[in-house]
């Protein structure tokens, strides 16, 4: 009986151990001015609140802009092309081809303002269209 309770305890302990499960980092690019652009794959079960919590924990240089693009886990974005792109503008041109798989965009402005955009609810948002 004690083994049974120990197993239940371990099960519940492991359930909450990795709150970022379902979020898979792909590409991180930092411009010469230290602006950051990150891409991630996410599974369908990851909530907007979980993404916001995850985004807020990521590194951000004060006074600079950070953008996180969260794509469907089966988007197959070209990480190699992104990694070797010349600029963030070039990366956005590449990502624009995959906007049909874009689920969320998180932006932290240089002013410190933060916003999470649901691209499925607001597909006309400029950030969801890489403009």
N, C-alpha and C. Protein backbone atom coordinates (compact mmCIF):
# COMPACT_ATOMS: atom_id res chain seq x y z
N UNK A 1 0.82 -1.19 0.00
CA UNK A 1 0.00 0.00 0.00
C UNK A 1 0.87 1.26 0.00
N UNK A 2 1.99 1.22 0.73
CA UNK A 2 2.88 2.38 0.76
C UNK A 2 3.48 2.65 -0.61
N UNK A 3 3.79 1.60 -1.33
CA UNK A 3 4.35 1.75 -2.68
C UNK A 3 3.34 2.47 -3.58
N UNK A 4 2.08 2.13 -3.42
CA UNK A 4 1.00 2.75 -4.19
C UNK A 4 0.97 4.25 -3.95
N UNK A 5 1.04 4.69 -2.71
CA UNK A 5 1.02 6.12 -2.37
C UNK A 5 2.28 6.83 -2.85
N UNK A 6 3.39 6.15 -2.79
CA UNK A 6 4.64 6.74 -3.29
C UNK A 6 4.55 6.96 -4.80
N UNK A 7 4.01 5.98 -5.51
CA UNK A 7 3.86 6.12 -6.96
C UNK A 7 2.90 7.26 -7.33
N UNK A 8 1.82 7.39 -6.60
CA UNK A 8 0.88 8.49 -6.85
C UNK A 8 1.56 9.83 -6.60
N UNK A 9 2.32 9.91 -5.51
CA UNK A 9 3.03 11.15 -5.19
C UNK A 9 4.02 11.50 -6.29
N UNK A 10 4.78 10.54 -6.76
CA UNK A 10 5.75 10.78 -7.82
C UNK A 10 5.07 11.18 -9.13
N UNK A 11 3.92 10.59 -9.40
CA UNK A 11 3.17 10.94 -10.60
C UNK A 11 2.76 12.41 -10.56
N UNK A 12 2.18 12.85 -9.46
CA UNK A 12 1.74 14.25 -9.35
C UNK A 12 2.93 15.21 -9.33
N UNK A 13 4.01 14.79 -8.76
CA UNK A 13 5.21 15.62 -8.74
C UNK A 13 5.75 15.83 -10.15
N UNK A 14 5.71 14.79 -10.96
CA UNK A 14 6.23 14.89 -12.33
C UNK A 14 5.28 15.62 -13.26
N UNK A 15 4.01 15.68 -12.95
CA UNK A 15 3.04 16.36 -13.83
C UNK A 15 3.33 17.84 -13.97
N UNK A 16 3.75 18.48 -12.92
CA UNK A 16 3.94 19.92 -12.95
C UNK A 16 5.41 20.30 -13.04
N UNK A 17 6.26 19.34 -13.26
CA UNK A 17 7.69 19.58 -13.24
C UNK A 17 8.16 20.45 -14.39
N UNK A 18 7.59 20.28 -15.54
CA UNK A 18 8.04 21.03 -16.70
C UNK A 18 6.87 21.78 -17.31
N UNK A 19 6.63 22.99 -16.80
CA UNK A 19 5.49 23.76 -17.27
C UNK A 19 5.70 24.27 -18.69
N UNK A 20 6.91 24.18 -19.23
CA UNK A 20 7.14 24.61 -20.61
C UNK A 20 7.05 23.45 -21.58
N UNK A 21 6.59 22.30 -21.12
CA UNK A 21 6.44 21.17 -22.02
C UNK A 21 5.40 21.55 -23.07
N UNK A 22 5.68 21.22 -24.30
CA UNK A 22 4.80 21.60 -25.39
C UNK A 22 5.27 22.86 -26.10
N UNK A 23 6.33 23.49 -25.58
CA UNK A 23 6.93 24.67 -26.21
C UNK A 23 8.35 24.28 -26.62
N UNK A 24 8.62 24.30 -27.91
CA UNK A 24 9.90 23.82 -28.41
C UNK A 24 10.66 24.98 -29.08
N UNK A 25 11.73 25.46 -28.45
CA UNK A 25 12.51 26.55 -29.05
C UNK A 25 13.12 26.12 -30.38
N UNK A 26 13.11 27.03 -31.35
CA UNK A 26 13.68 26.75 -32.66
C UNK A 26 14.84 27.67 -32.98
N UNK A 27 14.55 28.93 -33.21
CA UNK A 27 15.58 29.87 -33.66
C UNK A 27 15.61 31.08 -32.75
N UNK A 28 16.80 31.54 -32.42
CA UNK A 28 16.95 32.79 -31.69
C UNK A 28 17.94 33.65 -32.46
N UNK A 29 17.52 34.86 -32.79
CA UNK A 29 18.36 35.80 -33.52
C UNK A 29 18.43 37.09 -32.72
N UNK A 30 19.63 37.62 -32.58
CA UNK A 30 19.83 38.90 -31.91
C UNK A 30 20.48 39.84 -32.90
N UNK A 31 19.85 41.00 -33.10
CA UNK A 31 20.41 41.98 -34.03
C UNK A 31 21.62 42.67 -33.41
N UNK A 32 22.33 43.45 -34.20
CA UNK A 32 23.49 44.18 -33.69
C UNK A 32 23.09 45.16 -32.59
N UNK A 33 21.83 45.60 -32.63
CA UNK A 33 21.33 46.52 -31.60
C UNK A 33 20.76 45.77 -30.40
N UNK A 34 20.86 44.45 -30.39
CA UNK A 34 20.40 43.57 -29.32
C UNK A 34 18.88 43.42 -29.27
N UNK A 35 18.18 43.70 -30.38
CA UNK A 35 16.78 43.31 -30.48
C UNK A 35 16.78 41.80 -30.68
N UNK A 36 15.74 41.13 -30.17
CA UNK A 36 15.69 39.67 -30.24
C UNK A 36 14.45 39.19 -30.98
N UNK A 37 14.63 38.15 -31.77
CA UNK A 37 13.54 37.48 -32.44
C UNK A 37 13.71 35.99 -32.17
N UNK A 38 12.66 35.37 -31.64
CA UNK A 38 12.68 33.94 -31.33
C UNK A 38 11.52 33.25 -32.02
N UNK A 39 11.76 32.04 -32.49
CA UNK A 39 10.68 31.22 -33.03
C UNK A 39 10.57 29.95 -32.20
N UNK A 40 9.34 29.48 -32.07
CA UNK A 40 9.04 28.29 -31.28
C UNK A 40 7.98 27.47 -32.00
N UNK A 41 8.02 26.17 -31.77
CA UNK A 41 6.91 25.30 -32.13
C UNK A 41 6.11 25.07 -30.85
N UNK A 42 4.79 25.02 -31.00
CA UNK A 42 3.96 24.71 -29.83
C UNK A 42 2.92 23.65 -30.21
N UNK A 43 2.58 22.85 -29.22
CA UNK A 43 1.52 21.87 -29.39
C UNK A 43 0.18 22.50 -29.07
N UNK A 44 -0.88 21.90 -29.57
CA UNK A 44 -2.23 22.46 -29.44
C UNK A 44 -2.69 22.63 -28.00
N UNK A 45 -2.18 21.83 -27.09
CA UNK A 45 -2.64 21.90 -25.71
C UNK A 45 -2.01 23.04 -24.90
N UNK A 46 -1.06 23.75 -25.46
CA UNK A 46 -0.42 24.86 -24.74
C UNK A 46 -1.34 26.07 -24.80
N UNK A 47 -1.63 26.64 -23.64
CA UNK A 47 -2.56 27.77 -23.57
C UNK A 47 -1.85 29.10 -23.77
N UNK A 48 -2.62 30.11 -24.06
CA UNK A 48 -2.11 31.47 -24.21
C UNK A 48 -1.44 31.94 -22.92
N UNK A 49 -2.03 31.60 -21.78
CA UNK A 49 -1.44 31.97 -20.48
C UNK A 49 -0.09 31.31 -20.26
N UNK A 50 0.04 30.05 -20.66
CA UNK A 50 1.32 29.36 -20.53
C UNK A 50 2.38 30.01 -21.41
N UNK A 51 1.98 30.42 -22.60
CA UNK A 51 2.93 31.09 -23.50
C UNK A 51 3.36 32.43 -22.95
N UNK A 52 2.42 33.16 -22.37
CA UNK A 52 2.76 34.46 -21.78
C UNK A 52 3.74 34.26 -20.63
N UNK A 53 3.46 33.30 -19.77
CA UNK A 53 4.36 33.01 -18.64
C UNK A 53 5.75 32.62 -19.15
N UNK A 54 5.79 31.78 -20.16
CA UNK A 54 7.06 31.34 -20.74
C UNK A 54 7.82 32.53 -21.35
N UNK A 55 7.11 33.36 -22.11
CA UNK A 55 7.73 34.51 -22.78
C UNK A 55 8.32 35.49 -21.77
N UNK A 56 7.63 35.70 -20.68
CA UNK A 56 8.11 36.65 -19.68
C UNK A 56 9.38 36.17 -18.98
N UNK A 57 9.63 34.87 -19.02
CA UNK A 57 10.83 34.30 -18.39
C UNK A 57 12.05 34.33 -19.31
N UNK A 58 11.82 34.63 -20.60
CA UNK A 58 12.93 34.62 -21.55
C UNK A 58 13.77 35.88 -21.41
N UNK A 59 15.03 35.77 -21.83
CA UNK A 59 15.97 36.88 -21.72
C UNK A 59 15.50 38.06 -22.57
N UNK A 60 15.58 39.25 -21.99
CA UNK A 60 15.20 40.48 -22.69
C UNK A 60 16.16 41.58 -22.29
N UNK A 61 16.75 42.23 -23.26
CA UNK A 61 17.67 43.34 -23.00
C UNK A 61 16.85 44.61 -22.78
N UNK A 62 17.04 45.26 -21.65
CA UNK A 62 16.32 46.49 -21.32
C UNK A 62 16.55 47.54 -22.41
N UNK A 63 15.46 48.17 -22.83
CA UNK A 63 15.55 49.20 -23.86
C UNK A 63 15.53 48.67 -25.28
N UNK A 64 15.40 47.36 -25.44
CA UNK A 64 15.37 46.74 -26.77
C UNK A 64 14.04 46.03 -26.97
N UNK A 65 13.79 45.58 -28.17
CA UNK A 65 12.54 44.92 -28.52
C UNK A 65 12.76 43.41 -28.65
N UNK A 66 11.81 42.63 -28.12
CA UNK A 66 11.84 41.18 -28.27
C UNK A 66 10.53 40.73 -28.90
N UNK A 67 10.62 39.83 -29.87
CA UNK A 67 9.43 39.26 -30.51
C UNK A 67 9.57 37.74 -30.48
N UNK A 68 8.50 37.07 -30.03
CA UNK A 68 8.46 35.61 -30.02
C UNK A 68 7.33 35.17 -30.95
N UNK A 69 7.67 34.36 -31.93
CA UNK A 69 6.68 33.80 -32.85
C UNK A 69 6.44 32.35 -32.46
N UNK A 70 5.19 32.01 -32.19
CA UNK A 70 4.82 30.65 -31.80
C UNK A 70 4.04 30.00 -32.95
N UNK A 71 4.66 29.00 -33.57
CA UNK A 71 4.07 28.30 -34.70
C UNK A 71 3.53 26.94 -34.27
N UNK A 72 2.57 26.45 -35.04
CA UNK A 72 2.07 25.10 -34.83
C UNK A 72 3.23 24.12 -34.90
N UNK A 73 3.16 23.06 -34.11
CA UNK A 73 4.27 22.09 -34.03
C UNK A 73 4.58 21.42 -35.36
N UNK A 74 3.66 21.46 -36.30
CA UNK A 74 3.93 20.82 -37.60
C UNK A 74 4.20 21.84 -38.71
N UNK A 75 4.62 23.04 -38.34
CA UNK A 75 4.84 24.11 -39.32
C UNK A 75 6.07 23.88 -40.20
N UNK A 76 7.09 23.28 -39.66
CA UNK A 76 8.32 22.98 -40.42
C UNK A 76 8.98 24.23 -40.99
N UNK A 77 9.18 25.23 -40.15
CA UNK A 77 9.83 26.46 -40.60
C UNK A 77 11.32 26.19 -40.84
N UNK A 78 11.94 26.88 -41.80
CA UNK A 78 13.33 26.60 -42.18
C UNK A 78 14.34 27.22 -41.20
N UNK A 79 14.61 26.55 -40.12
CA UNK A 79 15.50 27.08 -39.08
C UNK A 79 16.88 27.42 -39.61
N UNK A 80 17.39 26.62 -40.53
CA UNK A 80 18.72 26.86 -41.09
C UNK A 80 18.77 28.21 -41.82
N UNK A 81 17.74 28.47 -42.63
CA UNK A 81 17.69 29.76 -43.35
C UNK A 81 17.59 30.92 -42.38
N UNK A 82 16.80 30.74 -41.33
CA UNK A 82 16.63 31.82 -40.35
C UNK A 82 17.94 32.11 -39.63
N UNK A 83 18.62 31.05 -39.27
CA UNK A 83 19.86 31.20 -38.50
C UNK A 83 20.92 31.98 -39.27
N UNK A 84 20.96 31.80 -40.58
CA UNK A 84 22.00 32.44 -41.38
C UNK A 84 21.50 33.64 -42.18
N UNK A 85 20.37 34.19 -41.78
CA UNK A 85 19.85 35.39 -42.44
C UNK A 85 20.66 36.60 -42.04
N UNK A 86 20.68 37.57 -42.92
CA UNK A 86 21.47 38.78 -42.71
C UNK A 86 20.84 39.76 -41.72
N UNK A 87 19.50 39.76 -41.63
CA UNK A 87 18.84 40.75 -40.79
C UNK A 87 17.49 40.23 -40.30
N UNK A 88 16.93 40.92 -39.33
CA UNK A 88 15.61 40.56 -38.82
C UNK A 88 14.56 40.79 -39.91
N UNK A 89 14.76 41.79 -40.76
CA UNK A 89 13.84 42.04 -41.88
C UNK A 89 13.82 40.85 -42.83
N UNK A 90 14.98 40.29 -43.13
CA UNK A 90 15.06 39.11 -43.99
C UNK A 90 14.37 37.91 -43.34
N UNK A 91 14.53 37.76 -42.05
CA UNK A 91 13.87 36.67 -41.32
C UNK A 91 12.36 36.81 -41.43
N UNK A 92 11.86 38.01 -41.24
CA UNK A 92 10.41 38.23 -41.34
C UNK A 92 9.88 37.90 -42.73
N UNK A 93 10.66 38.16 -43.76
CA UNK A 93 10.26 37.80 -45.13
C UNK A 93 10.14 36.29 -45.27
N UNK A 94 11.07 35.57 -44.67
CA UNK A 94 11.03 34.10 -44.71
C UNK A 94 9.82 33.59 -43.93
N UNK A 95 9.64 34.11 -42.72
CA UNK A 95 8.55 33.65 -41.86
C UNK A 95 7.17 33.96 -42.44
N UNK A 96 7.08 35.00 -43.22
CA UNK A 96 5.80 35.39 -43.82
C UNK A 96 5.19 34.24 -44.63
N UNK A 97 6.03 33.42 -45.23
CA UNK A 97 5.56 32.27 -46.00
C UNK A 97 4.90 31.21 -45.12
N UNK A 98 5.14 31.29 -43.82
CA UNK A 98 4.62 30.29 -42.88
C UNK A 98 3.56 30.86 -41.95
N UNK A 99 3.05 32.05 -42.27
CA UNK A 99 2.10 32.70 -41.37
C UNK A 99 0.80 31.91 -41.20
N UNK A 100 0.49 31.04 -42.14
CA UNK A 100 -0.70 30.19 -42.00
C UNK A 100 -0.58 29.25 -40.80
N UNK A 101 0.63 29.00 -40.32
CA UNK A 101 0.85 28.13 -39.16
C UNK A 101 1.16 28.91 -37.89
N UNK A 102 1.12 30.22 -37.97
CA UNK A 102 1.44 31.06 -36.81
C UNK A 102 0.24 31.12 -35.87
N UNK A 103 0.48 30.80 -34.60
CA UNK A 103 -0.61 30.80 -33.63
C UNK A 103 -0.60 32.03 -32.73
N UNK A 104 0.57 32.39 -32.22
CA UNK A 104 0.68 33.52 -31.30
C UNK A 104 1.94 34.32 -31.57
N UNK A 105 1.88 35.60 -31.22
CA UNK A 105 3.05 36.47 -31.25
C UNK A 105 3.11 37.19 -29.91
N UNK A 106 4.27 37.15 -29.28
CA UNK A 106 4.51 37.91 -28.06
C UNK A 106 5.50 39.01 -28.40
N UNK A 107 5.19 40.22 -27.96
CA UNK A 107 6.08 41.36 -28.20
C UNK A 107 6.35 42.06 -26.89
N UNK A 108 7.61 42.32 -26.63
CA UNK A 108 8.00 43.19 -25.53
C UNK A 108 8.73 44.37 -26.16
N UNK A 109 8.10 45.53 -26.09
CA UNK A 109 8.65 46.74 -26.70
C UNK A 109 9.82 47.27 -25.89
N UNK A 110 10.59 48.13 -26.50
CA UNK A 110 11.72 48.75 -25.81
C UNK A 110 11.25 49.58 -24.61
N UNK A 111 10.00 50.04 -24.66
CA UNK A 111 9.42 50.80 -23.55
C UNK A 111 9.04 49.91 -22.37
N UNK A 112 9.03 48.59 -22.59
CA UNK A 112 8.65 47.65 -21.55
C UNK A 112 7.22 47.15 -21.71
N UNK A 113 6.44 47.76 -22.61
CA UNK A 113 5.07 47.29 -22.86
C UNK A 113 5.11 45.89 -23.46
N UNK A 114 4.20 45.04 -22.99
CA UNK A 114 4.15 43.65 -23.45
C UNK A 114 2.76 43.34 -23.99
N UNK A 115 2.71 42.50 -25.02
CA UNK A 115 1.41 42.04 -25.51
C UNK A 115 1.55 40.66 -26.13
N UNK A 116 0.49 39.88 -25.94
CA UNK A 116 0.39 38.56 -26.53
C UNK A 116 -0.76 38.61 -27.52
N UNK A 117 -0.49 38.29 -28.77
CA UNK A 117 -1.49 38.35 -29.82
C UNK A 117 -1.85 36.94 -30.25
N UNK A 118 -3.14 36.64 -30.26
CA UNK A 118 -3.64 35.36 -30.73
C UNK A 118 -3.93 35.52 -32.22
N UNK A 119 -3.10 34.96 -33.06
CA UNK A 119 -3.23 35.13 -34.51
C UNK A 119 -4.40 34.34 -35.09
N UNK A 120 -4.91 33.37 -34.35
CA UNK A 120 -6.09 32.65 -34.82
C UNK A 120 -7.35 33.49 -34.60
N UNK A 121 -7.36 34.28 -33.51
CA UNK A 121 -8.49 35.16 -33.22
C UNK A 121 -8.40 36.48 -33.98
N UNK A 122 -7.19 36.94 -34.25
CA UNK A 122 -6.97 38.23 -34.89
C UNK A 122 -5.97 38.09 -36.05
N UNK A 123 -6.36 37.36 -37.11
CA UNK A 123 -5.42 37.10 -38.20
C UNK A 123 -5.01 38.35 -38.99
N UNK A 124 -5.76 39.43 -38.86
CA UNK A 124 -5.42 40.65 -39.60
C UNK A 124 -4.42 41.52 -38.85
N UNK A 125 -4.04 41.12 -37.64
CA UNK A 125 -3.06 41.89 -36.88
C UNK A 125 -1.76 42.00 -37.68
N UNK A 126 -1.19 43.18 -37.69
CA UNK A 126 0.02 43.42 -38.49
C UNK A 126 1.17 42.50 -38.10
N UNK A 127 1.32 42.22 -36.80
CA UNK A 127 2.40 41.33 -36.36
C UNK A 127 2.18 39.90 -36.82
N UNK A 128 0.93 39.49 -36.93
CA UNK A 128 0.63 38.14 -37.43
C UNK A 128 0.89 38.03 -38.93
N UNK A 129 0.99 39.17 -39.58
CA UNK A 129 1.25 39.21 -41.03
C UNK A 129 2.66 39.69 -41.35
N UNK A 130 3.50 39.80 -40.32
CA UNK A 130 4.91 40.19 -40.47
C UNK A 130 5.07 41.55 -41.15
N UNK A 131 4.24 42.50 -40.71
CA UNK A 131 4.33 43.87 -41.25
C UNK A 131 4.75 44.82 -40.17
